[in-house]
Amino acid sequence: MSSEEIVFKIITEAGNAKGVSFEAFALAKEGKFAEAEEKLKEANQFFHQAHDIQTELITKEAQGQKNEVSILMVHAQDHLAGATLAKDLIAEMIQMQKEIHNLKIS
């Protein structure tokens, strides 16, 4: 896989993880918590695919194989960081939605 293909694979998988995370939150706001949890699992799969690519790059560099650091690679890493933050915050927000829902029905 070329470096550009690697970069765009990270961007794609991270973008999918972020998008599906927001879908999960939308479901949680509707009270569809089981569906939201399934979406979070799907988001985690996309996230892990992107993270695995990043880990492979880091491992190769640690073994002495230098990676080209381009603006595209920086952009891909930014997408992955943003997706990570979104996924983690949305998981917490879904938990908060559950608590709010439980208070309303109590």
PDB file of N, CA and C in Angstrom:
ATOM      1  N   MET A   1       0.849  -1.170   0.000  1.00  0.00           N
ATOM      2  CA  MET A   1       0.000   0.000   0.000  1.00  0.00           C
ATOM      3  C   MET A   1       0.899   1.239   0.000  1.00  0.00           C
ATOM      4  N   SER A   2       0.579   2.197  -0.865  1.00  0.00           N
ATOM      5  CA  SER A   2       1.377   3.424  -0.939  1.00  0.00           C
ATOM      6  C   SER A   2       1.096   4.301   0.283  1.00  0.00           C
ATOM      7  N   SER A   3       1.968   5.265   0.527  1.00  0.00           N
ATOM      8  CA  SER A   3       1.771   6.138   1.686  1.00  0.00           C
ATOM      9  C   SER A   3       0.472   6.931   1.561  1.00  0.00           C
ATOM     10  N   GLU A   4       0.108   7.316   0.327  1.00  0.00           N
ATOM     11  CA  GLU A   4      -1.159   8.035   0.144  1.00  0.00           C
ATOM     12  C   GLU A   4      -2.353   7.130   0.453  1.00  0.00           C
ATOM     13  N   GLU A   5      -2.271   5.869   0.051  1.00  0.00           N
ATOM     14  CA  GLU A   5      -3.349   4.928   0.350  1.00  0.00           C
ATOM     15  C   GLU A   5      -3.478   4.711   1.854  1.00  0.00           C
ATOM     16  N   ILE A   6      -2.350   4.636   2.530  1.00  0.00           N
ATOM     17  CA  ILE A   6      -2.353   4.471   3.984  1.00  0.00           C
ATOM     18  C   ILE A   6      -3.025   5.672   4.641  1.00  0.00           C
ATOM     19  N   VAL A   7      -2.635   6.868   4.201  1.00  0.00           N
ATOM     20  CA  VAL A   7      -3.196   8.100   4.757  1.00  0.00           C
ATOM     21  C   VAL A   7      -4.711   8.136   4.564  1.00  0.00           C
ATOM     22  N   PHE A   8      -5.161   7.853   3.343  1.00  0.00           N
ATOM     23  CA  PHE A   8      -6.587   7.929   3.082  1.00  0.00           C
ATOM     24  C   PHE A   8      -7.362   6.811   3.779  1.00  0.00           C
ATOM     25  N   LYS A   9      -6.721   5.694   4.036  1.00  0.00           N
ATOM     26  CA  LYS A   9      -7.363   4.617   4.797  1.00  0.00           C
ATOM     27  C   LYS A   9      -7.580   5.079   6.250  1.00  0.00           C
ATOM     28  N   ILE A  10      -6.583   5.731   6.832  1.00  0.00           N
ATOM     29  CA  ILE A  10      -6.735   6.256   8.191  1.00  0.00           C
ATOM     30  C   ILE A  10      -7.852   7.290   8.229  1.00  0.00           C
ATOM     31  N   ILE A  11      -7.852   8.215   7.274  1.00  0.00           N
ATOM     32  CA  ILE A  11      -8.877   9.260   7.225  1.00  0.00           C
ATOM     33  C   ILE A  11     -10.267   8.643   7.077  1.00  0.00           C
ATOM     34  N   THR A  12     -10.395   7.673   6.190  1.00  0.00           N
ATOM     35  CA  THR A  12     -11.692   7.036   5.954  1.00  0.00           C
ATOM     36  C   THR A  12     -12.197   6.316   7.197  1.00  0.00           C
ATOM     37  N   GLU A  13     -11.349   5.492   7.794  1.00  0.00           N
ATOM     38  CA  GLU A  13     -11.776   4.710   8.957  1.00  0.00           C
ATOM     39  C   GLU A  13     -12.069   5.619  10.146  1.00  0.00           C
ATOM     40  N   ALA A  14     -11.245   6.648  10.350  1.00  0.00           N
ATOM     41  CA  ALA A  14     -11.479   7.586  11.446  1.00  0.00           C
ATOM     42  C   ALA A  14     -12.775   8.358  11.208  1.00  0.00           C
ATOM     43  N   GLY A  15     -12.998   8.777   9.975  1.00  0.00           N
ATOM     44  CA  GLY A  15     -14.235   9.483   9.648  1.00  0.00           C
ATOM     45  C   GLY A  15     -15.455   8.619   9.864  1.00  0.00           C
ATOM     46  N   ASN A  16     -15.356   7.357   9.494  1.00  0.00           N
ATOM     47  CA  ASN A  16     -16.456   6.418   9.737  1.00  0.00           C
ATOM     48  C   ASN A  16     -16.720   6.258  11.231  1.00  0.00           C
ATOM     49  N   ALA A  17     -15.643   6.136  12.006  1.00  0.00           N
ATOM     50  CA  ALA A  17     -15.789   5.984  13.460  1.00  0.00           C
ATOM     51  C   ALA A  17     -16.492   7.199  14.058  1.00  0.00           C
ATOM     52  N   LYS A  18     -16.092   8.369  13.630  1.00  0.00           N
ATOM     53  CA  LYS A  18     -16.694   9.598  14.153  1.00  0.00           C
ATOM     54  C   LYS A  18     -18.156   9.707  13.733  1.00  0.00           C
ATOM     55  N   GLY A  19     -18.434   9.460  12.475  1.00  0.00           N
ATOM     56  CA  GLY A  19     -19.804   9.559  11.980  1.00  0.00           C
ATOM     57  C   GLY A  19     -20.748   8.590  12.653  1.00  0.00           C
ATOM     58  N   VAL A  20     -20.313   7.360  12.810  1.00  0.00           N
ATOM     59  CA  VAL A  20     -21.154   6.339  13.453  1.00  0.00           C
ATOM     60  C   VAL A  20     -21.330   6.654  14.938  1.00  0.00           C
ATOM     61  N   SER A  21     -20.326   7.250  15.557  1.00  0.00           N
ATOM     62  CA  SER A  21     -20.464   7.671  16.960  1.00  0.00           C
ATOM     63  C   SER A  21     -21.584   8.696  17.107  1.00  0.00           C
ATOM     64  N   PHE A  22     -21.632   9.648  16.180  1.00  0.00           N
ATOM     65  CA  PHE A  22     -22.700  10.648  16.226  1.00  0.00           C
ATOM     66  C   PHE A  22     -24.061  10.013  15.941  1.00  0.00           C
ATOM     67  N   GLU A  23     -24.100   9.004  15.092  1.00  0.00           N
ATOM     68  CA  GLU A  23     -25.347   8.263  14.875  1.00  0.00           C
ATOM     69  C   GLU A  23     -25.796   7.600  16.179  1.00  0.00           C
ATOM     70  N   ALA A  24     -24.845   7.062  16.919  1.00  0.00           N
ATOM     71  CA  ALA A  24     -25.154   6.426  18.206  1.00  0.00           C
ATOM     72  C   ALA A  24     -25.755   7.435  19.159  1.00  0.00           C
ATOM     73  N   PHE A  25     -25.195   8.632  19.198  1.00  0.00           N
ATOM     74  CA  PHE A  25     -25.722   9.652  20.107  1.00  0.00           C
ATOM     75  C   PHE A  25     -27.132  10.073  19.707  1.00  0.00           C
ATOM     76  N   ALA A  26     -27.378  10.192  18.415  1.00  0.00           N
ATOM     77  CA  ALA A  26     -28.724  10.540  17.946  1.00  0.00           C
ATOM     78  C   ALA A  26     -29.739   9.487  18.398  1.00  0.00           C
ATOM     79  N   LEU A  27     -29.350   8.226  18.320  1.00  0.00           N
ATOM     80  CA  LEU A  27     -30.237   7.149  18.780  1.00  0.00           C
ATOM     81  C   LEU A  27     -30.476   7.244  20.284  1.00  0.00           C
ATOM     82  N   ALA A  28     -29.423   7.547  21.031  1.00  0.00           N
ATOM     83  CA  ALA A  28     -29.559   7.658  22.487  1.00  0.00           C
ATOM     84  C   ALA A  28     -30.500   8.797  22.858  1.00  0.00           C
ATOM     85  N   LYS A  29     -30.438   9.898  22.124  1.00  0.00           N
ATOM     86  CA  LYS A  29     -31.335  11.026  22.412  1.00  0.00           C
ATOM     87  C   LYS A  29     -32.793  10.646  22.179  1.00  0.00           C
ATOM     88  N   GLU A  30     -33.022   9.657  21.328  1.00  0.00           N
ATOM     89  CA  GLU A  30     -34.379   9.152  21.087  1.00  0.00           C
ATOM     90  C   GLU A  30     -34.770   8.056  22.083  1.00  0.00           C
ATOM     91  N   GLY A  31     -33.858   7.725  22.987  1.00  0.00           N
ATOM     92  CA  GLY A  31     -34.133   6.679  23.970  1.00  0.00           C
ATOM     93  C   GLY A  31     -33.862   5.277  23.455  1.00  0.00           C
ATOM     94  N   LYS A  32     -33.246   5.158  22.309  1.00  0.00           N
ATOM     95  CA  LYS A  32     -32.947   3.852  21.706  1.00  0.00           C
ATOM     96  C   LYS A  32     -31.542   3.409  22.132  1.00  0.00           C
ATOM     97  N   PHE A  33     -31.427   3.044  23.393  1.00  0.00           N
ATOM     98  CA  PHE A  33     -30.115   2.789  23.974  1.00  0.00           C
ATOM     99  C   PHE A  33     -29.450   1.513  23.470  1.00  0.00           C
ATOM    100  N   ALA A  34     -30.220   0.477  23.251  1.00  0.00           N
ATOM    101  CA  ALA A  34     -29.634  -0.771  22.736  1.00  0.00           C
ATOM    102  C   ALA A  34     -29.060  -0.536  21.342  1.00  0.00           C
ATOM    103  N   GLU A  35     -29.809   0.180  20.507  1.00  0.00           N
ATOM    104  CA  GLU A  35     -29.322   0.489  19.162  1.00  0.00           C
ATOM    105  C   GLU A  35     -28.099   1.400  19.223  1.00  0.00           C
ATOM    106  N   ALA A  36     -28.111   2.330  20.164  1.00  0.00           N
ATOM    107  CA  ALA A  36     -26.968   3.233  20.334  1.00  0.00           C
ATOM    108  C   ALA A  36     -25.717   2.447  20.716  1.00  0.00           C
ATOM    109  N   GLU A  37     -25.871   1.484  21.596  1.00  0.00           N
ATOM    110  CA  GLU A  37     -24.721   0.656  22.010  1.00  0.00           C
ATOM    111  C   GLU A  37     -24.174  -0.139  20.827  1.00  0.00           C
ATOM    112  N   GLU A  38     -25.059  -0.638  19.980  1.00  0.00           N
ATOM    113  CA  GLU A  38     -24.615  -1.364  18.782  1.00  0.00           C
ATOM    114  C   GLU A  38     -23.832  -0.440  17.850  1.00  0.00           C
ATOM    115  N   LYS A  39     -24.315   0.789  17.712  1.00  0.00           N
ATOM    116  CA  LYS A  39     -23.607   1.761  16.876  1.00  0.00           C
ATOM    117  C   LYS A  39     -22.234   2.081  17.456  1.00  0.00           C
ATOM    118  N   LEU A  40     -22.149   2.155  18.776  1.00  0.00           N
ATOM    119  CA  LEU A  40     -20.845   2.402  19.399  1.00  0.00           C
ATOM    120  C   LEU A  40     -19.883   1.247  19.133  1.00  0.00           C
ATOM    121  N   LYS A  41     -20.404   0.035  19.147  1.00  0.00           N
ATOM    122  CA  LYS A  41     -19.557  -1.121  18.816  1.00  0.00           C
ATOM    123  C   LYS A  41     -19.057  -1.016  17.379  1.00  0.00           C
ATOM    124  N   GLU A  42     -19.950  -0.603  16.474  1.00  0.00           N
ATOM    125  CA  GLU A  42     -19.564  -0.416  15.073  1.00  0.00           C
ATOM    126  C   GLU A  42     -18.509   0.686  14.953  1.00  0.00           C
ATOM    127  N   ALA A  43     -18.701   1.773  15.679  1.00  0.00           N
ATOM    128  CA  ALA A  43     -17.724   2.869  15.671  1.00  0.00           C
ATOM    129  C   ALA A  43     -16.367   2.379  16.162  1.00  0.00           C
ATOM    130  N   ASN A  44     -16.381   1.548  17.192  1.00  0.00           N
ATOM    131  CA  ASN A  44     -15.125   1.004  17.720  1.00  0.00           C
ATOM    132  C   ASN A  44     -14.402   0.148  16.690  1.00  0.00           C
ATOM    133  N   GLN A  45     -15.153  -0.578  15.878  1.00  0.00           N
ATOM    134  CA  GLN A  45     -14.519  -1.390  14.831  1.00  0.00           C
ATOM    135  C   GLN A  45     -13.796  -0.497  13.823  1.00  0.00           C
ATOM    136  N   PHE A  46     -14.457   0.579  13.386  1.00  0.00           N
ATOM    137  CA  PHE A  46     -13.806   1.511  12.467  1.00  0.00           C
ATOM    138  C   PHE A  46     -12.581   2.150  13.120  1.00  0.00           C
ATOM    139  N   PHE A  47     -12.747   2.551  14.381  1.00  0.00           N
ATOM    140  CA  PHE A  47     -11.645   3.172  15.102  1.00  0.00           C
ATOM    141  C   PHE A  47     -10.444   2.231  15.193  1.00  0.00           C
ATOM    142  N   HIS A  48     -10.707   0.982  15.524  1.00  0.00           N
ATOM    143  CA  HIS A  48      -9.601   0.023  15.665  1.00  0.00           C
ATOM    144  C   HIS A  48      -8.899  -0.236  14.333  1.00  0.00           C
ATOM    145  N   GLN A  49      -9.639  -0.195  13.237  1.00  0.00           N
ATOM    146  CA  GLN A  49      -8.998  -0.358  11.930  1.00  0.00           C
ATOM    147  C   GLN A  49      -8.028   0.791  11.677  1.00  0.00           C
ATOM    148  N   ALA A  50      -8.448   2.016  11.959  1.00  0.00           N
ATOM    149  CA  ALA A  50      -7.564   3.173  11.782  1.00  0.00           C
ATOM    150  C   ALA A  50      -6.389   3.107  12.751  1.00  0.00           C
ATOM    151  N   HIS A  51      -6.684   2.746  13.987  1.00  0.00           N
ATOM    152  CA  HIS A  51      -5.634   2.683  15.005  1.00  0.00           C
ATOM    153  C   HIS A  51      -4.603   1.598  14.681  1.00  0.00           C
ATOM    154  N   ASP A  52      -5.060   0.482  14.147  1.00  0.00           N
ATOM    155  CA  ASP A  52      -4.132  -0.590  13.774  1.00  0.00           C
ATOM    156  C   ASP A  52      -3.150  -0.130  12.702  1.00  0.00           C
ATOM    157  N   ILE A  53      -3.635   0.653  11.743  1.00  0.00           N
ATOM    158  CA  ILE A  53      -2.751   1.187  10.704  1.00  0.00           C
ATOM    159  C   ILE A  53      -1.725   2.116  11.343  1.00  0.00           C
ATOM    160  N   GLN A  54      -2.182   2.986  12.237  1.00  0.00           N
ATOM    161  CA  GLN A  54      -1.275   3.894  12.920  1.00  0.00           C
ATOM    162  C   GLN A  54      -0.234   3.127  13.729  1.00  0.00           C
ATOM    163  N   THR A  55      -0.673   2.093  14.434  1.00  0.00           N
ATOM    164  CA  THR A  55       0.242   1.287  15.245  1.00  0.00           C
ATOM    165  C   THR A  55       1.297   0.614  14.376  1.00  0.00           C
ATOM    166  N   GLU A  56       0.886   0.141  13.210  1.00  0.00           N
ATOM    167  CA  GLU A  56       1.835  -0.476  12.286  1.00  0.00           C
ATOM    168  C   GLU A  56       2.896   0.537  11.843  1.00  0.00           C
ATOM    169  N   LEU A  57       2.481   1.751  11.549  1.00  0.00           N
ATOM    170  CA  LEU A  57       3.430   2.796  11.165  1.00  0.00           C
ATOM    171  C   LEU A  57       4.399   3.112  12.299  1.00  0.00           C
ATOM    172  N   ILE A  58       3.874   3.202  13.509  1.00  0.00           N
ATOM    173  CA  ILE A  58       4.714   3.493  14.673  1.00  0.00           C
ATOM    174  C   ILE A  58       5.703   2.363  14.914  1.00  0.00           C
ATOM    175  N   THR A  59       5.236   1.132  14.805  1.00  0.00           N
ATOM    176  CA  THR A  59       6.105  -0.032  15.011  1.00  0.00           C
ATOM    177  C   THR A  59       7.240  -0.044  13.999  1.00  0.00           C
ATOM    178  N   LYS A  60       6.908   0.188  12.730  1.00  0.00           N
ATOM    179  CA  LYS A  60       7.947   0.208  11.689  1.00  0.00           C
ATOM    180  C   LYS A  60       8.970   1.307  11.948  1.00  0.00           C
ATOM    181  N   GLU A  61       8.489   2.462  12.373  1.00  0.00           N
ATOM    182  CA  GLU A  61       9.427   3.550  12.658  1.00  0.00           C
ATOM    183  C   GLU A  61      10.315   3.208  13.845  1.00  0.00           C
ATOM    184  N   ALA A  62       9.748   2.574  14.862  1.00  0.00           N
ATOM    185  CA  ALA A  62      10.536   2.168  16.027  1.00  0.00           C
ATOM    186  C   ALA A  62      11.599   1.141  15.647  1.00  0.00           C
ATOM    187  N   GLN A  63      11.333   0.393  14.563  1.00  0.00           N
ATOM    188  CA  GLN A  63      12.289  -0.608  14.083  1.00  0.00           C
ATOM    189  C   GLN A  63      13.299  -0.007  13.104  1.00  0.00           C
ATOM    190  N   GLY A  64      13.227   1.312  12.902  1.00  0.00           N
ATOM    191  CA  GLY A  64      14.207   1.983  12.051  1.00  0.00           C
ATOM    192  C   GLY A  64      13.736   2.341  10.656  1.00  0.00           C
ATOM    193  N   GLN A  65      12.535   1.931  10.295  1.00  0.00           N
ATOM    194  CA  GLN A  65      12.011   2.269   8.969  1.00  0.00           C
ATOM    195  C   GLN A  65      11.312   3.621   9.057  1.00  0.00           C
ATOM    196  N   LYS A  66      11.902   4.618   8.454  1.00  0.00           N
ATOM    197  CA  LYS A  66      11.349   5.970   8.524  1.00  0.00           C
ATOM    198  C   LYS A  66      10.103   6.097   7.658  1.00  0.00           C
ATOM    199  N   ASN A  67       9.127   6.823   8.168  1.00  0.00           N
ATOM    200  CA  ASN A  67       7.903   7.111   7.440  1.00  0.00           C
ATOM    201  C   ASN A  67       7.971   8.530   6.903  1.00  0.00           C
ATOM    202  N   GLU A  68       7.398   8.734   5.726  1.00  0.00           N
ATOM    203  CA  GLU A  68       7.310  10.071   5.173  1.00  0.00           C
ATOM    204  C   GLU A  68       6.243  10.834   5.957  1.00  0.00           C
ATOM    205  N   VAL A  69       6.615  11.988   6.476  1.00  0.00           N
ATOM    206  CA  VAL A  69       5.668  12.814   7.200  1.00  0.00           C
ATOM    207  C   VAL A  69       5.244  13.939   6.257  1.00  0.00           C
ATOM    208  N   SER A  70       4.044  13.788   5.732  1.00  0.00           N
ATOM    209  CA  SER A  70       3.504  14.774   4.808  1.00  0.00           C
ATOM    210  C   SER A  70       2.362  15.513   5.490  1.00  0.00           C
ATOM    211  N   ILE A  71       1.920  16.578   4.853  1.00  0.00           N
ATOM    212  CA  ILE A  71       0.753  17.290   5.361  1.00  0.00           C
ATOM    213  C   ILE A  71      -0.449  16.339   5.399  1.00  0.00           C
ATOM    214  N   LEU A  72      -0.550  15.450   4.413  1.00  0.00           N
ATOM    215  CA  LEU A  72      -1.643  14.473   4.406  1.00  0.00           C
ATOM    216  C   LEU A  72      -1.573  13.541   5.617  1.00  0.00           C
ATOM    217  N   MET A  73      -0.362  13.127   5.993  1.00  0.00           N
ATOM    218  CA  MET A  73      -0.217  12.258   7.161  1.00  0.00           C
ATOM    219  C   MET A  73      -0.606  13.004   8.430  1.00  0.00           C
ATOM    220  N   VAL A  74      -0.206  14.260   8.531  1.00  0.00           N
ATOM    221  CA  VAL A  74      -0.588  15.070   9.683  1.00  0.00           C
ATOM    222  C   VAL A  74      -2.113  15.212   9.718  1.00  0.00           C
ATOM    223  N   HIS A  75      -2.702  15.430   8.567  1.00  0.00           N
ATOM    224  CA  HIS A  75      -4.160  15.546   8.458  1.00  0.00           C
ATOM    225  C   HIS A  75      -4.833  14.244   8.901  1.00  0.00           C
ATOM    226  N   ALA A  76      -4.298  13.117   8.489  1.00  0.00           N
ATOM    227  CA  ALA A  76      -4.858  11.821   8.879  1.00  0.00           C
ATOM    228  C   ALA A  76      -4.771  11.623  10.391  1.00  0.00           C
ATOM    229  N   GLN A  77      -3.645  11.989  10.983  1.00  0.00           N
ATOM    230  CA  GLN A  77      -3.479  11.853  12.425  1.00  0.00           C
ATOM    231  C   GLN A  77      -4.452  12.765  13.162  1.00  0.00           C
ATOM    232  N   ASP A  78      -4.693  13.947  12.594  1.00  0.00           N
ATOM    233  CA  ASP A  78      -5.653  14.877  13.175  1.00  0.00           C
ATOM    234  C   ASP A  78      -7.056  14.277  13.141  1.00  0.00           C
ATOM    235  N   HIS A  79      -7.412  13.665  12.022  1.00  0.00           N
ATOM    236  CA  HIS A  79      -8.718  12.998  11.914  1.00  0.00           C
ATOM    237  C   HIS A  79      -8.847  11.888  12.953  1.00  0.00           C
ATOM    238  N   LEU A  80      -7.813  11.109  13.123  1.00  0.00           N
ATOM    239  CA  LEU A  80      -7.861  10.011  14.089  1.00  0.00           C
ATOM    240  C   LEU A  80      -7.988  10.543  15.509  1.00  0.00           C
ATOM    241  N   ALA A  81      -7.250  11.598  15.823  1.00  0.00           N
ATOM    242  CA  ALA A  81      -7.348  12.187  17.164  1.00  0.00           C
ATOM    243  C   ALA A  81      -8.750  12.740  17.409  1.00  0.00           C
ATOM    244  N   GLY A  82      -9.309  13.423  16.418  1.00  0.00           N
ATOM    245  CA  GLY A  82     -10.656  13.965  16.554  1.00  0.00           C
ATOM    246  C   GLY A  82     -11.691  12.872  16.708  1.00  0.00           C
ATOM    247  N   ALA A  83     -11.539  11.803  15.952  1.00  0.00           N
ATOM    248  CA  ALA A  83     -12.466  10.672  16.039  1.00  0.00           C
ATOM    249  C   ALA A  83     -12.379  10.010  17.408  1.00  0.00           C
ATOM    250  N   THR A  84     -11.176   9.900  17.930  1.00  0.00           N
ATOM    251  CA  THR A  84     -10.978   9.299  19.248  1.00  0.00           C
ATOM    252  C   THR A  84     -11.697  10.116  20.313  1.00  0.00           C
ATOM    253  N   LEU A  85     -11.483  11.419  20.272  1.00  0.00           N
ATOM    254  CA  LEU A  85     -12.115  12.300  21.250  1.00  0.00           C
ATOM    255  C   LEU A  85     -13.638  12.250  21.122  1.00  0.00           C
ATOM    256  N   ALA A  86     -14.136  12.333  19.892  1.00  0.00           N
ATOM    257  CA  ALA A  86     -15.584  12.294  19.676  1.00  0.00           C
ATOM    258  C   ALA A  86     -16.173  10.992  20.193  1.00  0.00           C
ATOM    259  N   LYS A  87     -15.547   9.870  19.846  1.00  0.00           N
ATOM    260  CA  LYS A  87     -16.049   8.555  20.256  1.00  0.00           C
ATOM    261  C   LYS A  87     -16.102   8.441  21.775  1.00  0.00           C
ATOM    262  N   ASP A  88     -15.041   8.867  22.442  1.00  0.00           N
ATOM    263  CA  ASP A  88     -14.990   8.765  23.897  1.00  0.00           C
ATOM    264  C   ASP A  88     -16.003   9.693  24.572  1.00  0.00           C
ATOM    265  N   LEU A  89     -16.108  10.924  24.085  1.00  0.00           N
ATOM    266  CA  LEU A  89     -17.067  11.856  24.676  1.00  0.00           C
ATOM    267  C   LEU A  89     -18.505  11.411  24.421  1.00  0.00           C
ATOM    268  N   ILE A  90     -18.767  10.924  23.231  1.00  0.00           N
ATOM    269  CA  ILE A  90     -20.125  10.479  22.912  1.00  0.00           C
ATOM    270  C   ILE A  90     -20.511   9.274  23.767  1.00  0.00           C
ATOM    271  N   ALA A  91     -19.583   8.383  24.029  1.00  0.00           N
ATOM    272  CA  ALA A  91     -19.878   7.251  24.918  1.00  0.00           C
ATOM    273  C   ALA A  91     -20.295   7.765  26.300  1.00  0.00           C
ATOM    274  N   GLU A  92     -19.607   8.784  26.795  1.00  0.00           N
ATOM    275  CA  GLU A  92     -19.970   9.371  28.089  1.00  0.00           C
ATOM    276  C   GLU A  92     -21.324  10.076  28.011  1.00  0.00           C
ATOM    277  N   MET A  93     -21.570  10.777  26.900  1.00  0.00           N
ATOM    278  CA  MET A  93     -22.837  11.486  26.728  1.00  0.00           C
ATOM    279  C   MET A  93     -24.012  10.518  26.633  1.00  0.00           C
ATOM    280  N   ILE A  94     -23.786   9.366  26.035  1.00  0.00           N
ATOM    281  CA  ILE A  94     -24.838   8.350  25.969  1.00  0.00           C
ATOM    282  C   ILE A  94     -25.158   7.847  27.375  1.00  0.00           C
ATOM    283  N   GLN A  95     -24.125   7.665  28.175  1.00  0.00           N
ATOM    284  CA  GLN A  95     -24.351   7.243  29.560  1.00  0.00           C
ATOM    285  C   GLN A  95     -25.167   8.302  30.302  1.00  0.00           C
ATOM    286  N   MET A  96     -24.857   9.569  30.053  1.00  0.00           N
ATOM    287  CA  MET A  96     -25.622  10.652  30.674  1.00  0.00           C
ATOM    288  C   MET A  96     -27.077  10.637  30.203  1.00  0.00           C
ATOM    289  N   GLN A  97     -27.295  10.355  28.913  1.00  0.00           N
ATOM    290  CA  GLN A  97     -28.664  10.264  28.394  1.00  0.00           C
ATOM    291  C   GLN A  97     -29.427   9.139  29.087  1.00  0.00           C
ATOM    292  N   LYS A  98     -28.754   8.032  29.344  1.00  0.00           N
ATOM    293  CA  LYS A  98     -29.400   6.925  30.067  1.00  0.00           C
ATOM    294  C   LYS A  98     -29.813   7.366  31.472  1.00  0.00           C
ATOM    295  N   GLU A  99     -28.919   8.074  32.147  1.00  0.00           N
ATOM    296  CA  GLU A  99     -29.217   8.540  33.498  1.00  0.00           C
ATOM    297  C   GLU A  99     -30.382   9.521  33.495  1.00  0.00           C
ATOM    298  N   ILE A 100     -30.405  10.438  32.535  1.00  0.00           N
ATOM    299  CA  ILE A 100     -31.506  11.388  32.416  1.00  0.00           C
ATOM    300  C   ILE A 100     -32.811  10.639  32.148  1.00  0.00           C
ATOM    301  N   HIS A 101     -32.758   9.675  31.257  1.00  0.00           N
ATOM    302  CA  HIS A 101     -33.947   8.873  30.935  1.00  0.00           C
ATOM    303  C   HIS A 101     -34.470   8.160  32.180  1.00  0.00           C
ATOM    304  N   ASN A 102     -33.559   7.567  32.947  1.00  0.00           N
ATOM    305  CA  ASN A 102     -33.959   6.851  34.154  1.00  0.00           C
ATOM    306  C   ASN A 102     -34.565   7.781  35.196  1.00  0.00           C
ATOM    307  N   LEU A 103     -34.061   9.010  35.279  1.00  0.00           N
ATOM    308  CA  LEU A 103     -34.632   9.980  36.222  1.00  0.00           C
ATOM    309  C   LEU A 103     -36.043  10.379  35.805  1.00  0.00           C
ATOM    310  N   LYS A 104     -36.257  10.499  34.500  1.00  0.00           N
ATOM    311  CA  LYS A 104     -37.579  10.888  34.001  1.00  0.00           C
ATOM    312  C   LYS A 104     -38.641   9.832  34.272  1.00  0.00           C
ATOM    313  N   ILE A 105     -38.230   8.559  34.226  1.00  0.00           N
ATOM    314  CA  ILE A 105     -39.221   7.500  34.429  1.00  0.00           C
ATOM    315  C   ILE A 105     -39.342   7.082  35.899  1.00  0.00           C
ATOM    316  N   SER A 106     -38.498   7.635  36.736  1.00  0.00           N
ATOM    317  CA  SER A 106     -38.561   7.291  38.180  1.00  0.00           C
ATOM    318  C   SER A 106     -39.695   7.988  38.872  1.00  0.00           C
TER     319      SER A 106
END
